[in-house]
Structures are given as C-alpha cells and as structure tokens.
Amino acid sequence: FTKNKYGTNGERGKLCGDNNAGTAEANAPVAYAFICICTAETVAATSECADGKTERVQDSVDSKSEAEKAWDKIVTACKRQPKPTTVTPAAIRQVLTHVLSRIGALNTNSTAGNDKFTLGTLSSSKCDGTTSAKQCVNYKKQQVSVGRKLSWIEDLITAEQFLAQAEKEATKAAALQQQLLNINRLAWDVYTSAAYDIENPTQELPADQSGPAKLTKEQDCNKHYLNKKCKNPCKWDETAIEKDKRCSLDPVKAAEQQETQTAGTGANDGKPDCSKLLTQQACENANKDDKKHCGWKKEGDNDHNKYKEMCRNGSFLVNKQFALSVVSAAFAALLF
C-alpha cells in the first residue's frame, strides 16, 4: 500500500473505477479495493467493513494521511479475523471462489448491466463513495476488455499454482527419501552378510569323508541377512522387525530334517530306524544307494497296526526273497 497514490486529482475515483465503463487504474493491488469499499469520500463511512470504520478518503483534496490511517485500521481489523493454520492451494481456491461470488452480489441498481462487475455496496452506476451506497470498486474494464485480467486475482491464482507444485515436489522428495532409506538398509544387510561369511567360511568335507548332516538350529538361520541365503529348513519373513529374525527356523522342515537324520544314523549296524520316520517322504528318503531299507506300507497278520500305512523296515522283503531263492535252488537240484 502506497499513500502517495491519493492526491488532489481524483485519484480515489480512478482507483475505484467510478464511472460506468470502469477505469484502468482499478486494476490495482487489493489494498486499494479495501479503501474503496471501507471508506467514504464526502461523508463519513457507515461501517461497511467493520464496526466503527467511518473513515473517509477524499477526491478533491490531498488525502495521503487519511488514506494511510484508514489502511492501518483496516489491517488491524483484518488481523482479528480467524486465519487458516496452514496456507494450502485449497485454502487459496476457497478464498478466490468466495471473493468472485461477491462481485455484483450487493448491487441494488436497476441497471445491472454495468453494476454486475462491482465489488461492494452499490445503488447507482458510480463507485465514487459519495454515499454509503457507493462504497465499491468497479472492475468492468478488467472483466470485459479482451486480454485484461485483474492483478490481485491473478496473484492469488499464481500463489495457488506455486503451492500445488511445491506439494507435488515435496511428495516426490519424500518418496525419494524412502527409496534411499531402503537402498541404505539393503546395502547394510549385504555388507553384514558378506562380513559374516568372510569371518565364518563354510567348511565342506570331501564326499568320501562326509558324515551325517548337521541339524540346523535357529541360530544358524538367524545368521543369514539375505533372502537368497535363507534356505531350507529356514524360512524368510520380510516383515520381521529385527534384522536377525527375518531368517528363522521352519519347525515343519526342521522336524522332517530331524526324522531323516535320525533314520540315517539308525542302529549300530548303520541301517535306518524306519519306525521313527513319520512321513512318507522321510521314509522314502531313507532308501539310499539303491537299497530298500524302509517302505511305506501295511504290515502282516501278527502286527496290531497291520491296517495302518506307516514306515516299516524293508528287511522282511529281502529275507523272503532270499528264502525263496534257496528253495528254488534246492528244487532245481532235485530235478537235475
């Protein structure tokens, strides 16, 4: 706001667009529109903007000091109004919508063709402030002329666009920050896993020296920080909060490993104990080196579980085959 705009040559009237066609000077910052709406020219204002606002800014005399005093009181009144906690594009758009809806809303003149472009109270075709019914500003020239725009409305639109773009950039920045955090976490996991592998190299026995497989424990699984290294009987859980708990022991797979390991050691003769294998897969896994140690089947008449399929020792089949071969040999000897 510049008080020097108000001199003795009808500056108030020009800033308020005080004729039917409006004026170019009315395309001024919104502060000057408040002077047009809230003050009168030849008489005291009638509190159009706020209670007790009766200042006047005259057209024919030097009114610089009067305009400055009036503006200070308008600012004080505005500061008492509720404000948004945050200025957002939506808040600016709401203000724009409300202000634009007020243009022409208080026109009571019968010739509405000219007065529909006015902001403020109007009962005639001139916003000269000579009565309370003429405390207004006429924007007809700005709204009708091709290519002309109202400066302070354009300023608000620009502010809305800038804030909207800033919100988009802030969203992108937050997404990039999250990606960087994920990359940093992955890099740290790779580093930790690699450091552990270097300090704890895997010891593999030659094929002819390999003994029974070592049973996997929970601690063995917890040492793996990468999904690709978390292998059976371990399982990977990406949602685990603690990094050393993402790879944990799968109880089902661990039980199968225990069964196979127990069967693999067997008794003192090195044969598997088929009765300890509780699943068909574990039972079949016990048959190695093309030897039929165990079988998933029902048993003979003397077995109280004869109707139940379970893992049973396969030696009785071998014994029967051996006995049959002995009988066959003896029978052949008799024939020849």
Foldseek 3Di string as FASTA:
>chain_A
DALVQAAQAQSLQLCQQFALQGHPNVLDACLSQCLLAQEAAPFFADQQPHPPRGQHRHHRHRRSVSSVVSSVVVVVVVVVDDDDPDDALVVLVVVLVVQVVQQLVQEQAPPSPRRSQKHHAAHDSTLRRNDNNNSIGGCNNQVPDPPHHRVNSVVSVVVSVVRVVVVVVVVVVVVVVVVVVVVVVVVVLVVQLVVVCVVPPDDDDPPVPDDQDDQDAFQNQLSHQDQVPLDPQWHAAPPDPDSSNRTGGDVVRSVLSVQLSQQQCPPPVRGGDQQSHFDQVSLVSSDPPVHNQWDFAADDDVDPRRVHTGIDGPVVVVVVVVVVVVVVVVVVVVVD
